[in-house]
């Protein structure tokens, strides 16, 4: 496989047609090597328009979904980011390339270790991987400028919204199959939030939230 040609095809045939047109985001997809975050058994599928299995029922989101969320968040250099659902560490690496620091939470110890190894090999130094249940966020480092959920959940927990700074943005895929929608929620004032629906999709539910029962919104 010609890796660079496959990467180019991913960007031009999957990602750009999904209205990902920010040149900074597109450039990142060439800089952060997706194939370095994929399990060895699936390396040849690193650029395919599909969710890559990570084991234990978890997966990497399709490239176009990751890229679109990254574009909509508009990460800034001074942003402090919380990601919930580390998976392979790839989305954390993309976020970290634009942000000051990323804290990423992974419930499963094996995946947390996999992500740490991937990030270390990639030379990403501004990401902290915590093995933790992210269903109530990460109060220890709150408030955050950006919160990203790398997977779906039925509704947004109130605890997560409270961990956004004023002006902070939260990106999540909300709902239950077969009806899910990516949303951007912005904290416009203390306790006041504006929600914009971005696109419809269906992705696996984060296991942090599979058993959670107390939600708001």
C-alpha atoms as a PDB file:
ATOM      1  CA  UNK A   1       0.000   0.000   0.000  1.00  0.00           C
ATOM      2  CA  UNK A   2       1.202   3.481  -0.857  1.00  0.00           C
ATOM      3  CA  UNK A   3       0.517   5.124   2.495  1.00  0.00           C
ATOM      4  CA  UNK A   4       0.805   8.717   1.336  1.00  0.00           C
ATOM      5  CA  UNK A   5      -1.512   8.113  -1.608  1.00  0.00           C
ATOM      6  CA  UNK A   6      -4.017   6.433   0.735  1.00  0.00           C
ATOM      7  CA  UNK A   7      -3.814   9.418   3.106  1.00  0.00           C
ATOM      8  CA  UNK A   8      -4.362  11.827   0.216  1.00  0.00           C
ATOM      9  CA  UNK A   9      -7.352   9.804  -0.983  1.00  0.00           C
ATOM     10  CA  UNK A  10      -8.820   9.823   2.544  1.00  0.00           C
ATOM     11  CA  UNK A  11      -8.662  13.612   2.657  1.00  0.00           C
ATOM     12  CA  UNK A  12      -9.914  14.244  -0.874  1.00  0.00           C
ATOM     13  CA  UNK A  13     -12.561  11.522  -1.168  1.00  0.00           C
ATOM     14  CA  UNK A  14     -13.919  11.255   2.392  1.00  0.00           C
ATOM     15  CA  UNK A  15     -13.099  14.332   4.415  1.00  0.00           C
ATOM     16  CA  UNK A  16     -13.241  17.294   2.043  1.00  0.00           C
ATOM     17  CA  UNK A  17     -16.652  16.194   0.641  1.00  0.00           C
ATOM     18  CA  UNK A  18     -17.946  16.299   4.232  1.00  0.00           C
ATOM     19  CA  UNK A  19     -17.426  20.073   4.234  1.00  0.00           C
ATOM     20  CA  UNK A  20     -14.106  19.917   6.055  1.00  0.00           C
ATOM     21  CA  UNK A  21     -12.399  22.783   4.249  1.00  0.00           C
ATOM     22  CA  UNK A  22     -10.275  24.441   6.954  1.00  0.00           C
ATOM     23  CA  UNK A  23      -6.714  24.186   5.574  1.00  0.00           C
ATOM     24  CA  UNK A  24      -5.249  23.940   9.082  1.00  0.00           C
ATOM     25  CA  UNK A  25      -7.383  20.876   9.821  1.00  0.00           C
ATOM     26  CA  UNK A  26      -6.613  19.284   6.462  1.00  0.00           C
ATOM     27  CA  UNK A  27      -2.895  19.891   6.962  1.00  0.00           C
ATOM     28  CA  UNK A  28      -3.049  18.193  10.372  1.00  0.00           C
ATOM     29  CA  UNK A  29      -4.319  15.012   8.771  1.00  0.00           C
ATOM     30  CA  UNK A  30      -1.036  14.786   6.873  1.00  0.00           C
ATOM     31  CA  UNK A  31       1.083  15.662   9.929  1.00  0.00           C
ATOM     32  CA  UNK A  32      -0.502  13.401  12.580  1.00  0.00           C
ATOM     33  CA  UNK A  33      -0.038   9.895  11.207  1.00  0.00           C
ATOM     34  CA  UNK A  34      -3.307   8.020  11.629  1.00  0.00           C
ATOM     35  CA  UNK A  35      -1.685   4.686  10.789  1.00  0.00           C
ATOM     36  CA  UNK A  36       0.512   4.990  13.904  1.00  0.00           C
ATOM     37  CA  UNK A  37      -2.576   4.890  16.130  1.00  0.00           C
ATOM     38  CA  UNK A  38      -4.314   1.913  14.516  1.00  0.00           C
ATOM     39  CA  UNK A  39      -3.907  -1.636  15.897  1.00  0.00           C
ATOM     40  CA  UNK A  40      -1.371  -3.550  13.808  1.00  0.00           C
ATOM     41  CA  UNK A  41      -4.009  -5.965  12.485  1.00  0.00           C
ATOM     42  CA  UNK A  42      -5.933  -3.056  10.916  1.00  0.00           C
ATOM     43  CA  UNK A  43      -3.038  -0.925   9.672  1.00  0.00           C
ATOM     44  CA  UNK A  44      -4.014  -1.477   6.028  1.00  0.00           C
ATOM     45  CA  UNK A  45      -7.460  -0.059   6.846  1.00  0.00           C
ATOM     46  CA  UNK A  46      -6.169   3.053   8.625  1.00  0.00           C
ATOM     47  CA  UNK A  47      -7.522   5.376   5.929  1.00  0.00           C
ATOM     48  CA  UNK A  48     -10.769   3.559   5.151  1.00  0.00           C
ATOM     49  CA  UNK A  49     -14.155   5.213   5.618  1.00  0.00           C
ATOM     50  CA  UNK A  50     -15.015   3.038   8.594  1.00  0.00           C
ATOM     51  CA  UNK A  51     -14.746   2.665  12.352  1.00  0.00           C
ATOM     52  CA  UNK A  52     -11.565   0.757  13.242  1.00  0.00           C
ATOM     53  CA  UNK A  53     -12.013  -1.901  15.984  1.00  0.00           C
ATOM     54  CA  UNK A  54      -9.811  -1.396  19.045  1.00  0.00           C
ATOM     55  CA  UNK A  55     -10.963  -4.453  20.997  1.00  0.00           C
ATOM     56  CA  UNK A  56     -13.311  -4.709  23.978  1.00  0.00           C
ATOM     57  CA  UNK A  57     -16.142  -3.401  21.794  1.00  0.00           C
ATOM     58  CA  UNK A  58     -14.452  -0.032  21.264  1.00  0.00           C
ATOM     59  CA  UNK A  59     -13.434   1.635  18.015  1.00  0.00           C
ATOM     60  CA  UNK A  60     -11.821   4.642  16.353  1.00  0.00           C
ATOM     61  CA  UNK A  61     -14.397   6.917  14.762  1.00  0.00           C
ATOM     62  CA  UNK A  62     -14.431   7.246  10.980  1.00  0.00           C
ATOM     63  CA  UNK A  63     -11.883   9.839   9.738  1.00  0.00           C
ATOM     64  CA  UNK A  64     -14.547  12.190   8.349  1.00  0.00           C
ATOM     65  CA  UNK A  65     -16.355  12.368  11.704  1.00  0.00           C
ATOM     66  CA  UNK A  66     -13.146  13.146  13.616  1.00  0.00           C
ATOM     67  CA  UNK A  67     -12.105  15.790  11.100  1.00  0.00           C
ATOM     68  CA  UNK A  68     -15.505  17.484  11.050  1.00  0.00           C
ATOM     69  CA  UNK A  69     -15.657  17.709  14.847  1.00  0.00           C
ATOM     70  CA  UNK A  70     -12.118  19.091  14.938  1.00  0.00           C
ATOM     71  CA  UNK A  71     -13.020  21.759  12.392  1.00  0.00           C
ATOM     72  CA  UNK A  72     -16.201  22.811  14.189  1.00  0.00           C
ATOM     73  CA  UNK A  73     -14.402  23.165  17.535  1.00  0.00           C
ATOM     74  CA  UNK A  74     -11.938  25.712  16.159  1.00  0.00           C
ATOM     75  CA  UNK A  75      -9.197  24.785  18.647  1.00  0.00           C
ATOM     76  CA  UNK A  76      -6.988  27.714  19.731  1.00  0.00           C
ATOM     77  CA  UNK A  77      -3.403  27.636  20.931  1.00  0.00           C
ATOM     78  CA  UNK A  78      -4.292  28.577  24.524  1.00  0.00           C
ATOM     79  CA  UNK A  79      -7.181  26.086  24.833  1.00  0.00           C
ATOM     80  CA  UNK A  80      -7.236  23.488  27.559  1.00  0.00           C
ATOM     81  CA  UNK A  81      -9.153  20.475  26.314  1.00  0.00           C
ATOM     82  CA  UNK A  82     -10.930  17.515  27.891  1.00  0.00           C
ATOM     83  CA  UNK A  83     -11.573  14.461  25.727  1.00  0.00           C
ATOM     84  CA  UNK A  84     -13.777  11.630  26.954  1.00  0.00           C
ATOM     85  CA  UNK A  85     -13.128   8.289  25.271  1.00  0.00           C
ATOM     86  CA  UNK A  86      -9.415   8.163  24.440  1.00  0.00           C
ATOM     87  CA  UNK A  87      -9.495   5.013  22.348  1.00  0.00           C
ATOM     88  CA  UNK A  88      -6.240   4.832  20.382  1.00  0.00           C
ATOM     89  CA  UNK A  89      -5.157   8.388  21.255  1.00  0.00           C
ATOM     90  CA  UNK A  90      -5.485   9.636  17.663  1.00  0.00           C
ATOM     91  CA  UNK A  91      -8.121  12.302  18.339  1.00  0.00           C
ATOM     92  CA  UNK A  92      -6.147  13.449  21.379  1.00  0.00           C
ATOM     93  CA  UNK A  93      -3.089  13.852  19.158  1.00  0.00           C
ATOM     94  CA  UNK A  94      -5.059  15.942  16.658  1.00  0.00           C
ATOM     95  CA  UNK A  95      -6.439  18.125  19.450  1.00  0.00           C
ATOM     96  CA  UNK A  96      -3.014  18.485  21.074  1.00  0.00           C
ATOM     97  CA  UNK A  97      -1.472  19.748  17.820  1.00  0.00           C
ATOM     98  CA  UNK A  98      -3.678  22.846  18.116  1.00  0.00           C
ATOM     99  CA  UNK A  99      -4.256  23.217  21.884  1.00  0.00           C
ATOM    100  CA  UNK A 100      -2.154  24.060  24.931  1.00  0.00           C
ATOM    101  CA  UNK A 101      -2.979  20.820  26.749  1.00  0.00           C
ATOM    102  CA  UNK A 102      -5.332  17.860  26.414  1.00  0.00           C
ATOM    103  CA  UNK A 103      -6.587  15.690  29.256  1.00  0.00           C
ATOM    104  CA  UNK A 104      -8.149  12.521  27.873  1.00  0.00           C
ATOM    105  CA  UNK A 105     -10.121   9.984  29.895  1.00  0.00           C
ATOM    106  CA  UNK A 106     -10.331   6.279  29.049  1.00  0.00           C
ATOM    107  CA  UNK A 107     -12.353   3.851  31.141  1.00  0.00           C
ATOM    108  CA  UNK A 108     -10.529   0.711  29.986  1.00  0.00           C
ATOM    109  CA  UNK A 109      -6.962   0.247  31.322  1.00  0.00           C
ATOM    110  CA  UNK A 110      -5.766  -1.684  28.253  1.00  0.00           C
ATOM    111  CA  UNK A 111      -6.876   1.077  25.897  1.00  0.00           C
ATOM    112  CA  UNK A 112      -5.437   3.785  28.147  1.00  0.00           C
ATOM    113  CA  UNK A 113      -2.059   2.020  28.004  1.00  0.00           C
ATOM    114  CA  UNK A 114      -2.351   1.582  24.214  1.00  0.00           C
ATOM    115  CA  UNK A 115      -3.066   5.298  23.780  1.00  0.00           C
ATOM    116  CA  UNK A 116      -0.179   6.329  26.053  1.00  0.00           C
ATOM    117  CA  UNK A 117       2.218   4.193  24.025  1.00  0.00           C
ATOM    118  CA  UNK A 118       0.928   5.597  20.728  1.00  0.00           C
ATOM    119  CA  UNK A 119       1.185   9.199  21.912  1.00  0.00           C
ATOM    120  CA  UNK A 120       4.673   8.679  23.305  1.00  0.00           C
ATOM    121  CA  UNK A 121       5.910   7.134  20.056  1.00  0.00           C
ATOM    122  CA  UNK A 122       4.397  10.021  18.134  1.00  0.00           C
ATOM    123  CA  UNK A 123       6.235  12.518  20.353  1.00  0.00           C
ATOM    124  CA  UNK A 124       3.046  14.130  21.681  1.00  0.00           C
ATOM    125  CA  UNK A 125       3.997  15.648  25.025  1.00  0.00           C
ATOM    126  CA  UNK A 126       0.999  17.840  25.882  1.00  0.00           C
ATOM    127  CA  UNK A 127      -1.543  15.060  26.463  1.00  0.00           C
ATOM    128  CA  UNK A 128      -2.329  13.464  29.824  1.00  0.00           C
ATOM    129  CA  UNK A 129      -4.099  10.091  29.602  1.00  0.00           C
ATOM    130  CA  UNK A 130      -6.140   9.247  32.696  1.00  0.00           C
ATOM    131  CA  UNK A 131      -7.749   5.850  33.235  1.00  0.00           C
ATOM    132  CA  UNK A 132     -11.069   7.071  34.573  1.00  0.00           C
ATOM    133  CA  UNK A 133     -14.829   7.091  34.092  1.00  0.00           C
ATOM    134  CA  UNK A 134     -15.483  10.314  32.205  1.00  0.00           C
ATOM    135  CA  UNK A 135     -19.270  10.330  32.552  1.00  0.00           C
ATOM    136  CA  UNK A 136     -19.023  13.210  35.022  1.00  0.00           C
ATOM    137  CA  UNK A 137     -16.058  14.933  33.422  1.00  0.00           C
ATOM    138  CA  UNK A 138     -12.799  15.712  35.198  1.00  0.00           C
ATOM    139  CA  UNK A 139     -13.309  18.240  37.949  1.00  0.00           C
ATOM    140  CA  UNK A 140      -9.606  18.172  38.916  1.00  0.00           C
ATOM    141  CA  UNK A 141      -8.617  20.255  35.855  1.00  0.00           C
ATOM    142  CA  UNK A 142     -11.868  22.097  35.172  1.00  0.00           C
ATOM    143  CA  UNK A 143     -12.905  24.491  33.773  1.00  0.00           C
ATOM    144  CA  UNK A 144     -12.061  23.638  30.156  1.00  0.00           C
ATOM    145  CA  UNK A 145     -12.137  25.665  26.970  1.00  0.00           C
ATOM    146  CA  UNK A 146     -13.125  22.592  24.960  1.00  0.00           C
ATOM    147  CA  UNK A 147     -14.752  19.248  25.791  1.00  0.00           C
ATOM    148  CA  UNK A 148     -14.945  16.503  23.157  1.00  0.00           C
ATOM    149  CA  UNK A 149     -16.772  13.205  23.455  1.00  0.00           C
ATOM    150  CA  UNK A 150     -15.271  10.659  21.061  1.00  0.00           C
ATOM    151  CA  UNK A 151     -18.401   8.553  20.812  1.00  0.00           C
ATOM    152  CA  UNK A 152     -22.132   8.859  21.384  1.00  0.00           C
ATOM    153  CA  UNK A 153     -24.220   9.367  24.504  1.00  0.00           C
ATOM    154  CA  UNK A 154     -27.990   9.622  25.066  1.00  0.00           C
ATOM    155  CA  UNK A 155     -27.902  13.152  26.537  1.00  0.00           C
ATOM    156  CA  UNK A 156     -25.346  15.634  27.836  1.00  0.00           C
ATOM    157  CA  UNK A 157     -24.776  15.353  31.613  1.00  0.00           C
ATOM    158  CA  UNK A 158     -25.139  18.619  33.539  1.00  0.00           C
ATOM    159  CA  UNK A 159     -21.757  17.976  35.192  1.00  0.00           C
ATOM    160  CA  UNK A 160     -20.000  18.257  31.837  1.00  0.00           C
ATOM    161  CA  UNK A 161     -21.633  21.548  30.939  1.00  0.00           C
ATOM    162  CA  UNK A 162     -20.639  23.029  34.289  1.00  0.00           C
ATOM    163  CA  UNK A 163     -16.987  22.261  33.475  1.00  0.00           C
ATOM    164  CA  UNK A 164     -16.978  24.592  30.446  1.00  0.00           C
ATOM    165  CA  UNK A 165     -15.577  28.093  30.742  1.00  0.00           C
ATOM    166  CA  UNK A 166     -17.702  30.937  29.450  1.00  0.00           C
ATOM    167  CA  UNK A 167     -16.970  30.844  25.734  1.00  0.00           C
ATOM    168  CA  UNK A 168     -16.086  27.149  25.952  1.00  0.00           C
ATOM    169  CA  UNK A 169     -17.338  24.608  23.419  1.00  0.00           C
ATOM    170  CA  UNK A 170     -18.502  21.016  23.831  1.00  0.00           C
ATOM    171  CA  UNK A 171     -18.787  18.654  20.855  1.00  0.00           C
ATOM    172  CA  UNK A 172     -20.732  15.409  21.174  1.00  0.00           C
ATOM    173  CA  UNK A 173     -22.845  12.979  19.197  1.00  0.00           C
ATOM    174  CA  UNK A 174     -26.151  12.804  20.998  1.00  0.00           C
ATOM    175  CA  UNK A 175     -29.079  10.409  20.767  1.00  0.00           C
ATOM    176  CA  UNK A 176     -29.784   6.716  20.366  1.00  0.00           C
ATOM    177  CA  UNK A 177     -29.503   4.626  17.194  1.00  0.00           C
ATOM    178  CA  UNK A 178     -30.825   5.005  14.591  1.00  0.00           C
ATOM    179  CA  UNK A 179     -31.186   8.731  15.332  1.00  0.00           C
ATOM    180  CA  UNK A 180     -28.039  10.548  16.471  1.00  0.00           C
ATOM    181  CA  UNK A 181     -26.871  14.086  15.821  1.00  0.00           C
ATOM    182  CA  UNK A 182     -23.528  15.795  16.314  1.00  0.00           C
ATOM    183  CA  UNK A 183     -23.991  18.908  18.410  1.00  0.00           C
ATOM    184  CA  UNK A 184     -21.876  21.909  19.348  1.00  0.00           C
ATOM    185  CA  UNK A 185     -22.800  23.427  22.701  1.00  0.00           C
ATOM    186  CA  UNK A 186     -21.282  26.784  23.637  1.00  0.00           C
ATOM    187  CA  UNK A 187     -21.320  28.278  27.130  1.00  0.00           C
ATOM    188  CA  UNK A 188     -22.383  31.863  26.386  1.00  0.00           C
ATOM    189  CA  UNK A 189     -22.692  32.968  30.043  1.00  0.00           C
ATOM    190  CA  UNK A 190     -22.670  31.303  33.457  1.00  0.00           C
ATOM    191  CA  UNK A 191     -25.280  28.536  33.226  1.00  0.00           C
ATOM    192  CA  UNK A 192     -26.403  29.607  29.742  1.00  0.00           C
ATOM    193  CA  UNK A 193     -25.728  27.351  26.741  1.00  0.00           C
ATOM    194  CA  UNK A 194     -26.358  27.593  23.017  1.00  0.00           C
ATOM    195  CA  UNK A 195     -26.756  24.355  21.032  1.00  0.00           C
ATOM    196  CA  UNK A 196     -26.173  24.008  17.275  1.00  0.00           C
ATOM    197  CA  UNK A 197     -26.932  20.770  15.433  1.00  0.00           C
ATOM    198  CA  UNK A 198     -24.087  19.949  13.034  1.00  0.00           C
ATOM    199  CA  UNK A 199     -24.839  16.703  11.187  1.00  0.00           C
ATOM    200  CA  UNK A 200     -26.586  13.364  11.535  1.00  0.00           C
ATOM    201  CA  UNK A 201     -24.577  10.186  12.030  1.00  0.00           C
ATOM    202  CA  UNK A 202     -24.588   6.951  14.025  1.00  0.00           C
ATOM    203  CA  UNK A 203     -21.573   5.897  16.096  1.00  0.00           C
ATOM    204  CA  UNK A 204     -21.036   3.508  19.025  1.00  0.00           C
ATOM    205  CA  UNK A 205     -22.063   4.704  22.483  1.00  0.00           C
ATOM    206  CA  UNK A 206     -19.207   5.499  24.857  1.00  0.00           C
ATOM    207  CA  UNK A 207     -19.173   2.798  27.502  1.00  0.00           C
ATOM    208  CA  UNK A 208     -18.698   5.514  30.151  1.00  0.00           C
ATOM    209  CA  UNK A 209     -22.295   6.479  29.433  1.00  0.00           C
ATOM    210  CA  UNK A 210     -23.904   3.139  28.642  1.00  0.00           C
ATOM    211  CA  UNK A 211     -25.031   2.661  32.238  1.00  0.00           C
ATOM    212  CA  UNK A 212     -25.296   6.313  33.279  1.00  0.00           C
ATOM    213  CA  UNK A 213     -28.814   7.291  34.323  1.00  0.00           C
ATOM    214  CA  UNK A 214     -28.710  10.893  35.524  1.00  0.00           C
ATOM    215  CA  UNK A 215     -28.719  13.287  32.588  1.00  0.00           C
ATOM    216  CA  UNK A 216     -29.889  16.765  31.762  1.00  0.00           C
ATOM    217  CA  UNK A 217     -30.796  18.615  28.564  1.00  0.00           C
END
